[in-house]
């Protein structure tokens, strides 16, 4: 016959095991998510440099994509493969429009449309020599070209946060 409460010490021993298991699971999710962000950012960076962007500019654009997609978690990115929040205006690489935004068969096509957007904004621009020295100059250039509606300060701070997170 067991006395009431005799298993109390067993329950107290089980609680730490459950907490440790939950902690390990959360840690693994965090590590996996961070690794996926890193792989995606690296792939975007490689696509941009292959298209002629200098390393510094490619880094700025990668930070921009992370900011635009809330760390690659936004619905527009997930459902539309849209890294830049581009509206559909007949972009060459877009497969069409979903919920007011361009959608792509893969996110690489989104990168190519962004490159074309940059070139349309600056007809005389040679993508191979396009190089702004700082992230601030880049986000200011985007604002001057009506890329985003947010305040310059907010947009810059969002991109800076991701730039530091991704590139140190």
N, C-alpha and C. Protein backbone atom coordinates (compact mmCIF):
# COMPACT_ATOMS: atom_id res chain seq x y z
N UNK A 1 0.83 -1.16 0.00
CA UNK A 1 0.00 0.00 0.00
C UNK A 1 0.88 1.24 0.00
N UNK A 2 0.55 2.17 -0.92
CA UNK A 2 1.32 3.41 -1.00
C UNK A 2 0.62 4.50 -0.21
N UNK A 3 1.44 5.28 0.39
CA UNK A 3 0.90 6.42 1.11
C UNK A 3 0.69 7.58 0.14
N UNK A 4 -0.34 8.39 0.37
CA UNK A 4 -0.56 9.55 -0.50
C UNK A 4 0.68 10.45 -0.49
N UNK A 5 1.09 10.85 -1.70
CA UNK A 5 2.23 11.74 -1.82
C UNK A 5 3.56 11.04 -1.83
N UNK A 6 3.57 9.71 -1.80
CA UNK A 6 4.85 9.00 -1.78
C UNK A 6 5.58 9.09 -3.11
N UNK A 7 4.85 9.38 -4.17
CA UNK A 7 5.48 9.52 -5.49
C UNK A 7 5.88 10.96 -5.79
N UNK A 8 5.76 11.82 -4.83
CA UNK A 8 6.09 13.23 -5.03
C UNK A 8 7.53 13.39 -5.48
N UNK A 9 8.45 12.68 -4.87
CA UNK A 9 9.86 12.82 -5.24
C UNK A 9 10.09 12.35 -6.67
N UNK A 10 9.31 11.38 -7.16
CA UNK A 10 9.44 10.93 -8.55
C UNK A 10 9.00 12.03 -9.50
N UNK A 11 7.89 12.71 -9.16
CA UNK A 11 7.41 13.80 -10.00
C UNK A 11 8.43 14.95 -10.05
N UNK A 12 9.08 15.21 -8.92
CA UNK A 12 10.09 16.27 -8.93
C UNK A 12 11.30 15.87 -9.75
N UNK A 13 11.63 14.61 -9.79
CA UNK A 13 12.74 14.15 -10.62
C UNK A 13 12.38 14.19 -12.10
N UNK A 14 11.12 13.99 -12.44
CA UNK A 14 10.70 13.99 -13.83
C UNK A 14 10.64 15.41 -14.41
N UNK A 15 10.32 16.37 -13.59
CA UNK A 15 10.22 17.74 -14.08
C UNK A 15 11.51 18.25 -14.71
N UNK A 16 12.66 18.08 -14.05
CA UNK A 16 13.89 18.55 -14.70
C UNK A 16 14.15 17.83 -16.03
N UNK A 17 13.82 16.55 -16.11
CA UNK A 17 14.03 15.84 -17.37
C UNK A 17 13.17 16.42 -18.47
N UNK A 18 11.94 16.76 -18.15
CA UNK A 18 11.05 17.37 -19.14
C UNK A 18 11.58 18.74 -19.54
N UNK A 19 12.01 19.52 -18.57
CA UNK A 19 12.55 20.84 -18.87
C UNK A 19 13.82 20.76 -19.71
N UNK A 20 14.68 19.82 -19.38
CA UNK A 20 15.91 19.64 -20.16
C UNK A 20 15.57 19.23 -21.59
N UNK A 21 14.62 18.33 -21.75
CA UNK A 21 14.20 17.90 -23.09
C UNK A 21 13.65 19.07 -23.88
N UNK A 22 12.80 19.87 -23.26
CA UNK A 22 12.26 21.05 -23.95
C UNK A 22 13.36 22.03 -24.32
N UNK A 23 14.28 22.24 -23.39
CA UNK A 23 15.39 23.16 -23.66
C UNK A 23 16.23 22.66 -24.84
N UNK A 24 16.55 21.38 -24.87
CA UNK A 24 17.35 20.82 -25.96
C UNK A 24 16.60 20.95 -27.28
N UNK A 25 15.31 20.69 -27.26
CA UNK A 25 14.52 20.82 -28.49
C UNK A 25 14.52 22.27 -29.00
N UNK A 26 14.34 23.23 -28.10
CA UNK A 26 14.38 24.63 -28.50
C UNK A 26 15.75 25.04 -29.01
N UNK A 27 16.78 24.55 -28.37
CA UNK A 27 18.14 24.83 -28.81
C UNK A 27 18.38 24.28 -30.21
N UNK A 28 17.94 23.06 -30.46
CA UNK A 28 18.10 22.47 -31.80
C UNK A 28 17.33 23.25 -32.85
N UNK A 29 16.13 23.68 -32.51
CA UNK A 29 15.34 24.49 -33.45
C UNK A 29 16.07 25.79 -33.74
N UNK A 30 16.59 26.43 -32.71
CA UNK A 30 17.33 27.68 -32.88
C UNK A 30 18.55 27.47 -33.78
N UNK A 31 19.32 26.43 -33.51
CA UNK A 31 20.51 26.16 -34.30
C UNK A 31 20.14 25.85 -35.74
N UNK A 32 19.11 25.04 -35.95
CA UNK A 32 18.67 24.69 -37.29
C UNK A 32 18.20 25.93 -38.04
N UNK A 33 17.41 26.76 -37.38
CA UNK A 33 16.92 27.98 -38.02
C UNK A 33 18.05 28.92 -38.39
N UNK A 34 18.98 29.07 -37.48
CA UNK A 34 20.13 29.95 -37.75
C UNK A 34 20.96 29.43 -38.93
N UNK A 35 21.13 28.13 -38.98
CA UNK A 35 21.87 27.51 -40.08
C UNK A 35 21.15 27.70 -41.41
N UNK A 36 19.82 27.58 -41.41
CA UNK A 36 19.04 27.77 -42.63
C UNK A 36 19.13 29.22 -43.11
N UNK A 37 19.07 30.18 -42.18
CA UNK A 37 19.21 31.58 -42.55
C UNK A 37 20.58 31.82 -43.17
N UNK A 38 21.60 31.24 -42.56
CA UNK A 38 22.96 31.40 -43.06
C UNK A 38 23.10 30.82 -44.47
N UNK A 39 22.55 29.64 -44.68
CA UNK A 39 22.63 29.01 -46.01
C UNK A 39 21.89 29.83 -47.05
N UNK A 40 20.71 30.30 -46.71
CA UNK A 40 19.93 31.09 -47.64
C UNK A 40 20.64 32.41 -47.96
N UNK A 41 21.13 33.09 -46.94
CA UNK A 41 21.84 34.35 -47.14
C UNK A 41 23.08 34.13 -48.01
N UNK A 42 23.79 33.04 -47.78
CA UNK A 42 24.98 32.73 -48.58
C UNK A 42 24.60 32.48 -50.04
N UNK A 43 23.51 31.78 -50.27
CA UNK A 43 23.06 31.51 -51.63
C UNK A 43 22.66 32.80 -52.34
N UNK A 44 21.95 33.67 -51.64
CA UNK A 44 21.57 34.96 -52.22
C UNK A 44 22.82 35.76 -52.55
N UNK A 45 23.77 35.81 -51.61
CA UNK A 45 25.03 36.53 -51.82
C UNK A 45 25.74 36.01 -53.07
N UNK A 46 25.82 34.69 -53.21
CA UNK A 46 26.49 34.09 -54.37
C UNK A 46 25.78 34.42 -55.68
N UNK A 47 24.46 34.43 -55.67
CA UNK A 47 23.70 34.80 -56.86
C UNK A 47 23.98 36.25 -57.26
N UNK A 48 24.05 37.13 -56.28
CA UNK A 48 24.30 38.54 -56.56
C UNK A 48 25.71 38.78 -57.09
N UNK A 49 26.69 38.14 -56.47
CA UNK A 49 28.06 38.33 -56.96
C UNK A 49 28.24 37.71 -58.35
N UNK A 50 27.56 36.60 -58.60
CA UNK A 50 27.61 35.98 -59.94
C UNK A 50 26.99 36.91 -60.98
N UNK A 51 26.03 37.73 -60.56
CA UNK A 51 25.38 38.67 -61.47
C UNK A 51 26.19 39.96 -61.63
N UNK A 52 27.28 40.09 -60.88
CA UNK A 52 28.15 41.25 -61.04
C UNK A 52 28.21 42.21 -59.88
N UNK A 53 27.43 42.00 -58.84
CA UNK A 53 27.51 42.89 -57.68
C UNK A 53 28.84 42.68 -56.97
N UNK A 54 29.43 43.78 -56.52
CA UNK A 54 30.63 43.68 -55.69
C UNK A 54 30.23 43.10 -54.34
N UNK A 55 31.20 42.54 -53.62
CA UNK A 55 30.91 41.89 -52.33
C UNK A 55 30.19 42.80 -51.35
N UNK A 56 30.62 44.06 -51.25
CA UNK A 56 29.98 44.97 -50.30
C UNK A 56 28.52 45.19 -50.67
N UNK A 57 28.25 45.41 -51.95
CA UNK A 57 26.88 45.64 -52.39
C UNK A 57 26.03 44.39 -52.20
N UNK A 58 26.60 43.23 -52.50
CA UNK A 58 25.86 41.98 -52.32
C UNK A 58 25.49 41.81 -50.84
N UNK A 59 26.40 42.17 -49.95
CA UNK A 59 26.12 42.10 -48.52
C UNK A 59 24.98 43.02 -48.12
N UNK A 60 24.97 44.22 -48.68
CA UNK A 60 23.89 45.17 -48.39
C UNK A 60 22.54 44.60 -48.84
N UNK A 61 22.53 44.01 -50.03
CA UNK A 61 21.28 43.47 -50.58
C UNK A 61 20.82 42.26 -49.76
N UNK A 62 21.75 41.43 -49.31
CA UNK A 62 21.38 40.28 -48.47
C UNK A 62 20.74 40.78 -47.18
N UNK A 63 21.32 41.80 -46.56
CA UNK A 63 20.73 42.38 -45.34
C UNK A 63 19.34 42.93 -45.65
N UNK A 64 19.19 43.53 -46.81
CA UNK A 64 17.89 44.05 -47.24
C UNK A 64 16.87 42.91 -47.35
N UNK A 65 17.26 41.78 -47.94
CA UNK A 65 16.31 40.67 -48.08
C UNK A 65 15.91 40.12 -46.72
N UNK A 66 16.86 40.04 -45.81
CA UNK A 66 16.53 39.54 -44.46
C UNK A 66 15.57 40.50 -43.77
N UNK A 67 15.81 41.80 -43.94
CA UNK A 67 14.91 42.79 -43.36
C UNK A 67 13.52 42.71 -43.99
N UNK A 68 13.47 42.66 -45.31
CA UNK A 68 12.19 42.64 -46.03
C UNK A 68 11.34 41.41 -45.68
N UNK A 69 11.99 40.30 -45.37
CA UNK A 69 11.28 39.04 -45.14
C UNK A 69 11.21 38.66 -43.66
N UNK A 70 11.60 39.56 -42.78
CA UNK A 70 11.63 39.27 -41.34
C UNK A 70 12.41 37.99 -41.07
N UNK A 71 13.62 37.97 -41.61
CA UNK A 71 14.48 36.80 -41.40
C UNK A 71 14.00 35.58 -42.18
N UNK A 72 13.45 35.84 -43.36
CA UNK A 72 12.98 34.78 -44.26
C UNK A 72 11.80 34.01 -43.68
N UNK A 73 10.95 34.71 -42.90
CA UNK A 73 9.78 34.07 -42.30
C UNK A 73 8.45 34.67 -42.77
N UNK A 74 8.49 35.75 -43.54
CA UNK A 74 7.24 36.42 -43.93
C UNK A 74 6.42 35.54 -44.87
N UNK A 75 5.12 35.77 -44.86
CA UNK A 75 4.23 35.03 -45.76
C UNK A 75 4.53 35.32 -47.22
N UNK A 76 4.90 36.57 -47.52
CA UNK A 76 5.21 36.92 -48.91
C UNK A 76 6.40 36.11 -49.39
N UNK A 77 7.39 35.93 -48.52
CA UNK A 77 8.53 35.10 -48.92
C UNK A 77 8.13 33.63 -49.03
N UNK A 78 7.46 33.12 -48.02
CA UNK A 78 7.12 31.70 -47.99
C UNK A 78 6.16 31.31 -49.11
N UNK A 79 5.13 32.12 -49.34
CA UNK A 79 4.11 31.76 -50.32
C UNK A 79 4.44 32.21 -51.74
N UNK A 80 5.21 33.30 -51.85
CA UNK A 80 5.47 33.88 -53.17
C UNK A 80 6.93 33.76 -53.61
N UNK A 81 7.81 33.22 -52.77
CA UNK A 81 9.25 33.19 -53.09
C UNK A 81 9.76 34.59 -53.41
N UNK A 82 9.21 35.59 -52.74
CA UNK A 82 9.51 36.98 -53.03
C UNK A 82 10.40 37.54 -51.91
N UNK A 83 11.66 37.74 -52.23
CA UNK A 83 12.63 38.22 -51.24
C UNK A 83 12.55 39.72 -50.98
N UNK A 84 11.94 40.46 -51.89
CA UNK A 84 12.03 41.91 -51.84
C UNK A 84 10.70 42.61 -51.61
N UNK A 85 9.63 41.86 -51.46
CA UNK A 85 8.32 42.48 -51.32
C UNK A 85 7.90 43.22 -52.57
N UNK A 86 8.38 42.75 -53.71
CA UNK A 86 8.09 43.42 -54.99
C UNK A 86 6.62 43.24 -55.33
N UNK A 87 5.99 44.33 -55.70
CA UNK A 87 4.63 44.27 -56.23
C UNK A 87 4.72 43.74 -57.66
N UNK A 88 3.63 43.20 -58.13
CA UNK A 88 3.65 42.69 -59.50
C UNK A 88 3.35 43.83 -60.47
N UNK A 89 4.26 44.08 -61.33
CA UNK A 89 4.08 45.10 -62.36
C UNK A 89 4.60 44.55 -63.69
N UNK A 90 4.35 43.28 -63.91
CA UNK A 90 4.79 42.64 -65.14
C UNK A 90 6.26 42.29 -65.16
N UNK A 91 6.83 42.03 -64.00
CA UNK A 91 8.24 41.66 -63.96
C UNK A 91 8.49 40.45 -64.85
N UNK A 92 9.61 40.47 -65.49
CA UNK A 92 9.97 39.44 -66.46
C UNK A 92 10.03 38.04 -65.83
N UNK A 93 10.59 37.95 -64.64
CA UNK A 93 10.81 36.65 -64.02
C UNK A 93 9.67 36.17 -63.13
N UNK A 94 8.69 37.03 -62.89
CA UNK A 94 7.57 36.65 -62.02
C UNK A 94 6.62 35.71 -62.76
N UNK A 95 6.06 34.77 -62.00
CA UNK A 95 5.09 33.84 -62.57
C UNK A 95 3.69 34.44 -62.55
N UNK A 96 3.51 35.54 -61.83
CA UNK A 96 2.21 36.18 -61.73
C UNK A 96 2.10 36.96 -60.44
N UNK A 97 0.87 37.09 -59.96
CA UNK A 97 0.61 37.88 -58.76
C UNK A 97 -0.24 37.07 -57.79
N UNK A 98 0.12 37.16 -56.52
CA UNK A 98 -0.67 36.58 -55.43
C UNK A 98 -0.77 37.64 -54.34
N UNK A 99 -1.98 37.93 -53.93
CA UNK A 99 -2.22 38.88 -52.84
C UNK A 99 -1.54 40.22 -53.05
N UNK A 100 -1.48 40.68 -54.28
CA UNK A 100 -0.92 41.99 -54.58
C UNK A 100 0.59 42.03 -54.74
N UNK A 101 1.25 40.89 -54.63
CA UNK A 101 2.70 40.83 -54.76
C UNK A 101 3.09 39.87 -55.86
N UNK A 102 4.23 40.13 -56.46
CA UNK A 102 4.74 39.21 -57.48
C UNK A 102 5.05 37.87 -56.81
N UNK A 103 4.76 36.79 -57.52
CA UNK A 103 5.19 35.49 -57.01
C UNK A 103 6.09 34.84 -58.04
N UNK A 104 6.99 34.02 -57.53
CA UNK A 104 8.03 33.41 -58.35
C UNK A 104 8.04 31.91 -58.11
N UNK A 105 8.49 31.18 -59.10
CA UNK A 105 8.61 29.73 -58.94
C UNK A 105 9.72 29.37 -57.96
N UNK A 106 10.74 30.24 -57.85
CA UNK A 106 11.79 30.07 -56.85
C UNK A 106 12.35 31.45 -56.52
N UNK A 107 13.02 31.54 -55.39
CA UNK A 107 13.47 32.85 -54.94
C UNK A 107 14.59 33.42 -55.80
N UNK A 108 15.30 32.59 -56.55
CA UNK A 108 16.35 33.09 -57.44
C UNK A 108 15.75 34.02 -58.49
N UNK A 109 14.57 33.70 -58.96
CA UNK A 109 13.91 34.57 -59.94
C UNK A 109 13.59 35.93 -59.33
N UNK A 110 13.30 35.94 -58.04
CA UNK A 110 13.07 37.20 -57.34
C UNK A 110 14.35 38.05 -57.34
N UNK A 111 15.48 37.41 -57.17
CA UNK A 111 16.77 38.12 -57.20
C UNK A 111 16.99 38.75 -58.57
N UNK A 112 16.72 37.99 -59.62
CA UNK A 112 16.91 38.51 -60.98
C UNK A 112 15.99 39.69 -61.26
N UNK A 113 14.76 39.65 -60.75
CA UNK A 113 13.86 40.79 -60.93
C UNK A 113 14.37 42.01 -60.17
N UNK A 114 14.95 41.79 -59.00
CA UNK A 114 15.50 42.93 -58.25
C UNK A 114 16.67 43.54 -59.02
N UNK A 115 17.52 42.71 -59.57
CA UNK A 115 18.65 43.21 -60.37
C UNK A 115 18.13 44.04 -61.54
N UNK A 116 17.09 43.56 -62.20
CA UNK A 116 16.50 44.32 -63.31
C UNK A 116 15.88 45.62 -62.81
N UNK A 117 15.28 45.59 -61.61
CA UNK A 117 14.72 46.81 -61.03
C UNK A 117 15.83 47.84 -60.84
N UNK A 118 16.97 47.40 -60.30
CA UNK A 118 18.10 48.31 -60.08
C UNK A 118 18.53 48.90 -61.42
N UNK A 119 18.65 48.07 -62.43
CA UNK A 119 19.11 48.55 -63.73
C UNK A 119 18.10 49.50 -64.38
N UNK A 120 16.81 49.26 -64.19
CA UNK A 120 15.79 50.18 -64.74
C UNK A 120 15.83 51.53 -64.05
N UNK A 121 16.12 51.54 -62.78
CA UNK A 121 16.16 52.79 -62.03
C UNK A 121 17.35 53.66 -62.43
N UNK A 122 18.37 53.01 -62.84
CA UNK A 122 19.58 53.74 -63.23
C UNK A 122 20.02 53.25 -64.60
N UNK A 123 19.42 53.78 -65.65
CA UNK A 123 19.67 53.29 -67.01
C UNK A 123 21.16 53.32 -67.35
N UNK A 124 21.88 54.30 -66.84
CA UNK A 124 23.30 54.42 -67.13
C UNK A 124 24.17 53.55 -66.21
N UNK A 125 23.51 52.85 -65.28
CA UNK A 125 24.22 52.10 -64.26
C UNK A 125 24.84 50.82 -64.82
N UNK A 126 26.10 50.63 -64.53
CA UNK A 126 26.76 49.36 -64.84
C UNK A 126 26.80 48.58 -63.54
N UNK A 127 26.08 47.49 -63.48
CA UNK A 127 25.96 46.71 -62.25
C UNK A 127 27.33 46.27 -61.73
N UNK A 128 28.29 46.10 -62.61
CA UNK A 128 29.63 45.66 -62.20
C UNK A 128 30.41 46.75 -61.47
N UNK A 129 30.04 48.00 -61.69
CA UNK A 129 30.76 49.09 -61.02
C UNK A 129 29.90 49.80 -59.99
N UNK A 130 28.66 49.34 -59.83
CA UNK A 130 27.74 49.95 -58.85
C UNK A 130 28.24 49.61 -57.46
N UNK A 131 28.72 50.61 -56.76
CA UNK A 131 29.29 50.36 -55.44
C UNK A 131 29.10 51.58 -54.56
N UNK A 132 28.22 51.46 -53.60
CA UNK A 132 28.06 52.48 -52.59
C UNK A 132 28.87 52.02 -51.39
N UNK A 133 29.51 52.92 -50.73
CA UNK A 133 30.48 52.59 -49.70
C UNK A 133 29.84 52.05 -48.42
N UNK A 134 28.70 52.60 -48.04
CA UNK A 134 28.10 52.21 -46.77
C UNK A 134 26.67 51.71 -46.96
N UNK A 135 26.19 50.98 -45.99
CA UNK A 135 24.81 50.52 -45.99
C UNK A 135 23.86 51.72 -45.96
N UNK A 136 24.22 52.75 -45.25
CA UNK A 136 23.40 53.96 -45.18
C UNK A 136 23.24 54.58 -46.57
N UNK A 137 24.34 54.67 -47.31
CA UNK A 137 24.26 55.20 -48.68
C UNK A 137 23.35 54.33 -49.54
N UNK A 138 23.43 53.03 -49.36
CA UNK A 138 22.61 52.11 -50.14
C UNK A 138 21.12 52.29 -49.81
N UNK A 139 20.77 52.31 -48.52
CA UNK A 139 19.36 52.46 -48.15
C UNK A 139 18.84 53.85 -48.56
N UNK A 140 19.70 54.87 -48.51
CA UNK A 140 19.29 56.19 -48.99
C UNK A 140 19.05 56.16 -50.50
N UNK A 141 19.90 55.44 -51.23
CA UNK A 141 19.70 55.31 -52.69
C UNK A 141 18.37 54.62 -52.98
N UNK A 142 18.05 53.57 -52.21
CA UNK A 142 16.77 52.89 -52.40
C UNK A 142 15.60 53.86 -52.16
N UNK A 143 15.71 54.68 -51.12
CA UNK A 143 14.65 55.64 -50.80
C UNK A 143 14.50 56.66 -51.93
N UNK A 144 15.61 57.16 -52.43
CA UNK A 144 15.57 58.13 -53.53
C UNK A 144 14.90 57.53 -54.77
N UNK A 145 14.98 56.24 -54.91
CA UNK A 145 14.40 55.56 -56.07
C UNK A 145 13.04 54.92 -55.75
N UNK A 146 12.42 55.42 -54.69
CA UNK A 146 11.06 55.02 -54.30
C UNK A 146 10.91 53.51 -54.08
N UNK A 147 11.93 52.89 -53.54
CA UNK A 147 11.85 51.45 -53.29
C UNK A 147 10.96 51.13 -52.09
N UNK A 148 11.07 51.91 -51.04
CA UNK A 148 10.30 51.62 -49.82
C UNK A 148 9.58 52.87 -49.33
N UNK A 149 8.53 52.64 -48.54
CA UNK A 149 7.71 53.73 -48.03
C UNK A 149 8.03 54.08 -46.59
N UNK A 150 8.70 53.22 -45.89
CA UNK A 150 9.06 53.43 -44.49
C UNK A 150 9.99 54.65 -44.38
N UNK A 151 10.19 55.14 -43.17
CA UNK A 151 11.14 56.23 -42.99
C UNK A 151 12.55 55.69 -43.26
N UNK A 152 13.42 56.57 -43.69
CA UNK A 152 14.81 56.18 -43.98
C UNK A 152 15.48 55.60 -42.75
N UNK A 153 15.22 56.19 -41.60
CA UNK A 153 15.83 55.73 -40.36
C UNK A 153 15.39 54.32 -40.00
N UNK A 154 14.09 54.06 -40.05
CA UNK A 154 13.60 52.73 -39.73
C UNK A 154 14.14 51.68 -40.69
N UNK A 155 14.10 51.99 -41.97
CA UNK A 155 14.55 51.01 -42.97
C UNK A 155 16.05 50.73 -42.79
N UNK A 156 16.81 51.79 -42.63
CA UNK A 156 18.26 51.62 -42.43
C UNK A 156 18.54 50.79 -41.17
N UNK A 157 17.87 51.12 -40.06
CA UNK A 157 18.11 50.38 -38.81
C UNK A 157 17.74 48.91 -38.95
N UNK A 158 16.66 48.61 -39.67
CA UNK A 158 16.29 47.22 -39.90
C UNK A 158 17.33 46.48 -40.72
N UNK A 159 17.80 47.11 -41.78
CA UNK A 159 18.84 46.49 -42.61
C UNK A 159 20.15 46.36 -41.83
N UNK A 160 20.49 47.37 -41.05
CA UNK A 160 21.72 47.34 -40.26
C UNK A 160 21.69 46.19 -39.25
N UNK A 161 20.56 46.00 -38.61
CA UNK A 161 20.42 44.90 -37.65
C UNK A 161 20.74 43.57 -38.32
N UNK A 162 20.17 43.34 -39.50
CA UNK A 162 20.42 42.09 -40.20
C UNK A 162 21.83 42.02 -40.76
N UNK A 163 22.38 43.13 -41.18
CA UNK A 163 23.76 43.14 -41.70
C UNK A 163 24.72 42.70 -40.59
N UNK A 164 24.54 43.27 -39.41
CA UNK A 164 25.40 42.89 -38.28
C UNK A 164 25.22 41.42 -37.90
N UNK A 165 23.98 40.96 -37.94
CA UNK A 165 23.69 39.57 -37.58
C UNK A 165 24.30 38.59 -38.58
N UNK A 166 24.25 38.94 -39.86
CA UNK A 166 24.73 38.03 -40.90
C UNK A 166 26.22 38.16 -41.19
N UNK A 167 26.76 39.37 -41.06
CA UNK A 167 28.15 39.59 -41.46
C UNK A 167 29.07 40.04 -40.35
N UNK A 168 28.52 40.17 -39.15
CA UNK A 168 29.35 40.52 -37.99
C UNK A 168 29.60 41.97 -37.79
